[in-house]
N, C-alpha and C. Protein backbone atom coordinates (compact mmCIF):
# COMPACT_ATOMS: atom_id res chain seq x y z
N UNK A 1 114.36 130.41 129.14
CA UNK A 1 115.00 130.36 127.85
C UNK A 1 114.41 131.48 127.00
N UNK A 2 115.26 132.20 126.39
CA UNK A 2 114.81 133.35 125.61
C UNK A 2 114.25 132.95 124.26
N UNK A 3 113.53 133.86 123.68
CA UNK A 3 112.90 133.63 122.38
C UNK A 3 113.97 133.42 121.31
N UNK A 4 115.02 134.21 121.38
CA UNK A 4 116.10 134.12 120.40
C UNK A 4 116.80 132.77 120.48
N UNK A 5 117.03 132.28 121.68
CA UNK A 5 117.69 130.99 121.88
C UNK A 5 116.79 129.85 121.38
N UNK A 6 115.50 129.94 121.66
CA UNK A 6 114.55 128.91 121.21
C UNK A 6 114.49 128.88 119.68
N UNK A 7 114.42 130.05 119.05
CA UNK A 7 114.39 130.11 117.58
C UNK A 7 115.67 129.56 116.98
N UNK A 8 116.80 129.86 117.61
CA UNK A 8 118.08 129.35 117.14
C UNK A 8 118.12 127.82 117.23
N UNK A 9 117.60 127.26 118.31
CA UNK A 9 117.55 125.80 118.45
C UNK A 9 116.61 125.17 117.42
N UNK A 10 115.49 125.80 117.14
CA UNK A 10 114.56 125.28 116.13
C UNK A 10 115.19 125.31 114.74
N UNK A 11 115.88 126.39 114.41
CA UNK A 11 116.56 126.47 113.10
C UNK A 11 117.67 125.44 113.03
N UNK A 12 118.41 125.25 114.08
CA UNK A 12 119.46 124.25 114.11
C UNK A 12 118.88 122.84 113.94
N UNK A 13 117.79 122.56 114.63
CA UNK A 13 117.14 121.25 114.50
C UNK A 13 116.63 121.05 113.07
N UNK A 14 116.12 122.09 112.44
CA UNK A 14 115.64 122.00 111.07
C UNK A 14 116.79 121.70 110.11
N UNK A 15 117.93 122.36 110.27
CA UNK A 15 119.09 122.10 109.41
C UNK A 15 119.62 120.69 109.61
N UNK A 16 119.59 120.20 110.82
CA UNK A 16 120.05 118.83 111.08
C UNK A 16 119.11 117.83 110.43
N UNK A 17 117.79 118.07 110.53
CA UNK A 17 116.81 117.16 109.94
C UNK A 17 116.92 117.14 108.42
N UNK A 18 117.19 118.29 107.81
CA UNK A 18 117.33 118.36 106.36
C UNK A 18 118.61 117.67 105.91
N UNK A 19 119.64 117.76 106.70
CA UNK A 19 120.93 117.21 106.33
C UNK A 19 121.04 115.71 106.47
N UNK A 20 120.12 115.07 107.17
CA UNK A 20 120.18 113.62 107.35
C UNK A 20 119.73 112.95 106.06
N UNK A 21 120.54 112.09 105.46
CA UNK A 21 120.15 111.45 104.20
C UNK A 21 119.05 110.40 104.44
N UNK A 22 118.22 110.24 103.45
CA UNK A 22 117.16 109.23 103.52
C UNK A 22 117.74 107.90 103.06
N UNK A 23 117.79 106.96 103.94
CA UNK A 23 118.29 105.63 103.63
C UNK A 23 117.11 104.68 103.51
N UNK A 24 116.74 104.38 102.28
CA UNK A 24 115.61 103.48 102.05
C UNK A 24 116.05 102.04 102.26
N UNK A 25 115.26 101.30 102.98
CA UNK A 25 115.56 99.89 103.23
C UNK A 25 115.01 99.00 102.12
N UNK A 26 114.18 99.56 101.24
CA UNK A 26 113.50 98.78 100.22
C UNK A 26 113.82 99.37 98.85
N UNK A 27 114.33 98.54 97.96
CA UNK A 27 114.65 99.02 96.61
C UNK A 27 113.41 98.90 95.73
N UNK A 28 113.48 99.51 94.56
CA UNK A 28 112.36 99.44 93.61
C UNK A 28 112.16 98.01 93.15
N UNK A 29 113.25 97.30 92.93
CA UNK A 29 113.15 95.91 92.49
C UNK A 29 112.43 95.06 93.54
N UNK A 30 112.73 95.27 94.80
CA UNK A 30 112.07 94.50 95.86
C UNK A 30 110.61 94.89 95.99
N UNK A 31 110.30 96.18 95.84
CA UNK A 31 108.92 96.63 96.06
C UNK A 31 108.00 96.28 94.90
N UNK A 32 108.55 95.86 93.76
CA UNK A 32 107.70 95.43 92.65
C UNK A 32 107.78 93.93 92.41
N UNK A 33 108.37 93.20 93.33
CA UNK A 33 108.41 91.74 93.18
C UNK A 33 107.02 91.16 93.49
N UNK A 34 106.65 90.08 92.83
CA UNK A 34 105.32 89.50 93.05
C UNK A 34 105.07 89.10 94.50
N UNK A 35 106.09 88.56 95.18
CA UNK A 35 105.89 88.13 96.57
C UNK A 35 105.58 89.33 97.46
N UNK A 36 106.30 90.42 97.27
CA UNK A 36 106.08 91.61 98.08
C UNK A 36 104.69 92.19 97.83
N UNK A 37 104.29 92.24 96.56
CA UNK A 37 102.98 92.81 96.23
C UNK A 37 101.84 91.97 96.81
N UNK A 38 101.94 90.65 96.67
CA UNK A 38 100.88 89.77 97.19
C UNK A 38 100.83 89.85 98.71
N UNK A 39 101.99 89.89 99.37
CA UNK A 39 102.01 89.97 100.83
C UNK A 39 101.50 91.30 101.35
N UNK A 40 101.48 92.34 100.52
CA UNK A 40 101.00 93.64 100.95
C UNK A 40 99.60 93.95 100.44
N UNK A 41 98.84 92.94 100.07
CA UNK A 41 97.42 93.11 99.79
C UNK A 41 97.02 93.26 98.35
N UNK A 42 97.97 93.20 97.41
CA UNK A 42 97.60 93.28 96.00
C UNK A 42 97.19 91.90 95.51
N UNK A 43 96.39 91.84 94.47
CA UNK A 43 95.93 90.57 93.95
C UNK A 43 97.03 89.89 93.13
N UNK A 44 96.83 88.60 92.88
CA UNK A 44 97.79 87.85 92.07
C UNK A 44 97.80 88.37 90.65
N UNK A 45 96.66 88.81 90.15
CA UNK A 45 96.59 89.35 88.78
C UNK A 45 97.41 90.63 88.66
N UNK A 46 97.34 91.49 89.67
CA UNK A 46 98.12 92.73 89.66
C UNK A 46 99.61 92.42 89.71
N UNK A 47 100.00 91.50 90.58
CA UNK A 47 101.41 91.12 90.70
C UNK A 47 101.92 90.52 89.39
N UNK A 48 101.09 89.71 88.76
CA UNK A 48 101.48 89.09 87.49
C UNK A 48 101.62 90.14 86.39
N UNK A 49 100.70 91.09 86.34
CA UNK A 49 100.77 92.12 85.31
C UNK A 49 102.00 93.00 85.49
N UNK A 50 102.32 93.35 86.72
CA UNK A 50 103.52 94.16 86.97
C UNK A 50 104.78 93.39 86.58
N UNK A 51 104.83 92.11 86.91
CA UNK A 51 105.99 91.30 86.56
C UNK A 51 106.15 91.19 85.05
N UNK A 52 105.04 91.01 84.34
CA UNK A 52 105.11 90.89 82.88
C UNK A 52 105.54 92.21 82.25
N UNK A 53 105.01 93.32 82.75
CA UNK A 53 105.41 94.63 82.21
C UNK A 53 106.90 94.90 82.47
N UNK A 54 107.40 94.52 83.64
CA UNK A 54 108.83 94.68 83.92
C UNK A 54 109.67 93.82 82.98
N UNK A 55 109.23 92.60 82.72
CA UNK A 55 109.96 91.72 81.81
C UNK A 55 109.96 92.27 80.39
N UNK A 56 108.84 92.82 79.96
CA UNK A 56 108.78 93.40 78.62
C UNK A 56 109.72 94.59 78.49
N UNK A 57 109.75 95.43 79.49
CA UNK A 57 110.62 96.60 79.45
C UNK A 57 112.08 96.18 79.39
N UNK A 58 112.44 95.12 80.12
CA UNK A 58 113.83 94.66 80.17
C UNK A 58 114.17 93.70 79.04
N UNK A 59 113.22 93.41 78.16
CA UNK A 59 113.48 92.55 77.01
C UNK A 59 113.50 91.07 77.34
N UNK A 60 112.91 90.69 78.45
CA UNK A 60 112.84 89.28 78.83
C UNK A 60 111.51 88.70 78.35
N UNK A 61 111.42 87.39 78.20
CA UNK A 61 110.14 86.81 77.76
C UNK A 61 109.07 86.99 78.84
N UNK A 62 107.85 87.27 78.39
CA UNK A 62 106.73 87.48 79.32
C UNK A 62 106.05 86.15 79.57
N UNK A 63 106.31 85.58 80.73
CA UNK A 63 105.72 84.30 81.11
C UNK A 63 104.72 84.53 82.23
N UNK A 64 103.64 83.74 82.24
CA UNK A 64 102.66 83.91 83.32
C UNK A 64 103.24 83.52 84.67
N UNK A 65 102.77 84.19 85.71
CA UNK A 65 103.24 83.93 87.06
C UNK A 65 102.60 82.66 87.61
N UNK A 66 101.33 82.48 87.32
CA UNK A 66 100.59 81.31 87.81
C UNK A 66 99.92 80.63 86.63
N UNK A 67 99.92 79.31 86.65
CA UNK A 67 99.20 78.56 85.61
C UNK A 67 97.75 78.47 86.03
N UNK A 68 96.89 78.97 85.16
CA UNK A 68 95.45 78.94 85.44
C UNK A 68 94.86 77.77 84.67
N UNK A 69 94.40 76.78 85.39
CA UNK A 69 93.82 75.60 84.76
C UNK A 69 92.32 75.60 85.01
N UNK A 70 91.60 75.25 83.97
CA UNK A 70 90.15 75.12 84.11
C UNK A 70 89.69 73.99 83.21
N UNK A 71 88.48 73.54 83.43
CA UNK A 71 87.96 72.42 82.66
C UNK A 71 87.58 72.88 81.26
N UNK A 72 87.39 71.91 80.37
CA UNK A 72 86.99 72.24 79.00
C UNK A 72 85.63 72.92 78.98
N UNK A 73 84.76 72.49 79.88
CA UNK A 73 83.42 73.08 79.96
C UNK A 73 83.51 74.56 80.32
N UNK A 74 84.32 74.89 81.32
CA UNK A 74 84.46 76.29 81.74
C UNK A 74 85.11 77.13 80.65
N UNK A 75 86.13 76.58 79.99
CA UNK A 75 86.78 77.31 78.89
C UNK A 75 85.81 77.56 77.75
N UNK A 76 84.97 76.56 77.43
CA UNK A 76 84.00 76.73 76.35
C UNK A 76 83.03 77.87 76.66
N UNK A 77 82.47 77.88 77.87
CA UNK A 77 81.52 78.94 78.20
C UNK A 77 82.19 80.30 78.34
N UNK A 78 83.43 80.33 78.77
CA UNK A 78 84.15 81.60 78.82
C UNK A 78 84.38 82.14 77.41
N UNK A 79 84.71 81.25 76.46
CA UNK A 79 84.90 81.67 75.08
C UNK A 79 83.58 82.13 74.45
N UNK A 80 82.49 81.42 74.74
CA UNK A 80 81.18 81.84 74.23
C UNK A 80 80.83 83.22 74.78
N UNK A 81 81.04 83.41 76.06
CA UNK A 81 80.75 84.71 76.67
C UNK A 81 81.69 85.78 76.13
N UNK A 82 82.93 85.41 75.79
CA UNK A 82 83.88 86.34 75.21
C UNK A 82 83.45 86.83 73.84
N UNK A 83 82.78 85.97 73.05
CA UNK A 83 82.27 86.42 71.76
C UNK A 83 81.10 87.37 71.93
N UNK A 84 80.31 87.15 72.98
CA UNK A 84 79.16 88.03 73.24
C UNK A 84 79.63 89.36 73.81
N UNK A 85 80.53 89.32 74.77
CA UNK A 85 81.04 90.53 75.43
C UNK A 85 82.56 90.59 75.27
N UNK A 86 83.06 91.28 74.26
CA UNK A 86 84.52 91.30 74.03
C UNK A 86 85.30 92.11 75.06
N UNK A 87 84.65 92.74 76.00
CA UNK A 87 85.37 93.56 76.98
C UNK A 87 85.82 92.78 78.21
N UNK A 88 85.57 91.47 78.26
CA UNK A 88 85.98 90.70 79.43
C UNK A 88 87.50 90.55 79.44
N UNK A 89 88.05 90.36 80.63
CA UNK A 89 89.48 90.17 80.79
C UNK A 89 89.86 88.75 80.43
N UNK A 90 90.81 88.62 79.55
CA UNK A 90 91.32 87.30 79.19
C UNK A 90 92.83 87.29 79.40
N UNK A 91 93.40 86.10 79.33
CA UNK A 91 94.85 85.99 79.47
C UNK A 91 95.58 86.60 78.28
N UNK A 92 94.92 86.68 77.13
CA UNK A 92 95.56 87.23 75.95
C UNK A 92 95.81 88.73 76.08
N UNK A 93 95.11 89.39 76.99
CA UNK A 93 95.31 90.82 77.17
C UNK A 93 96.74 91.11 77.61
N UNK A 94 97.30 90.23 78.42
CA UNK A 94 98.65 90.44 78.93
C UNK A 94 99.65 89.57 78.18
N UNK A 95 99.30 88.32 77.92
CA UNK A 95 100.24 87.35 77.36
C UNK A 95 100.13 87.30 75.84
N UNK A 96 100.55 88.33 75.18
CA UNK A 96 100.60 88.32 73.73
C UNK A 96 101.79 89.14 73.27
N UNK A 97 102.22 88.85 72.06
CA UNK A 97 103.33 89.60 71.49
C UNK A 97 102.80 90.93 70.97
N UNK A 98 103.55 91.98 71.19
CA UNK A 98 103.14 93.29 70.74
C UNK A 98 103.74 93.54 69.37
N UNK A 99 102.87 93.81 68.41
CA UNK A 99 103.31 94.13 67.06
C UNK A 99 102.92 95.57 66.76
N UNK A 100 103.81 96.27 66.10
CA UNK A 100 103.55 97.69 65.82
C UNK A 100 102.62 97.89 64.63
N UNK A 101 102.48 96.89 63.76
CA UNK A 101 101.57 97.03 62.63
C UNK A 101 100.24 96.37 62.96
N UNK A 102 99.13 96.87 62.40
CA UNK A 102 97.82 96.30 62.70
C UNK A 102 97.71 94.87 62.18
N UNK A 103 96.83 94.12 62.81
CA UNK A 103 96.65 92.71 62.50
C UNK A 103 95.18 92.38 62.64
N UNK A 104 94.75 91.26 62.09
CA UNK A 104 93.36 90.86 62.23
C UNK A 104 93.01 90.51 63.68
N UNK A 105 94.00 90.16 64.50
CA UNK A 105 93.75 89.84 65.91
C UNK A 105 93.44 91.07 66.73
N UNK A 106 93.69 92.26 66.19
CA UNK A 106 93.42 93.49 66.92
C UNK A 106 91.92 93.81 66.95
N UNK A 107 91.14 93.18 66.09
CA UNK A 107 89.70 93.46 66.03
C UNK A 107 88.96 92.82 67.16
């Protein structure tokens, strides 16, 4: 097989590969669903945050994905620790109404 024939076949194969459309089997909606994210190794907190952000963008109410229940004792110590270290992650970080004007709760 000559060099010219081989180059022609390579160029033809390249044009065929470029011309084939990409058919995605997974839509954006499916790839950001909580079930898909959890099944692919993301945490429940990440899946919940993505779902809440999608709901906010679409104007839907932001509801928690999972109900987190704890005892009064654990909630008390978490709140005490929250006053000492305000940088801890709380449910209010995600589950709150966004207001454009400053408020005393922003402190």
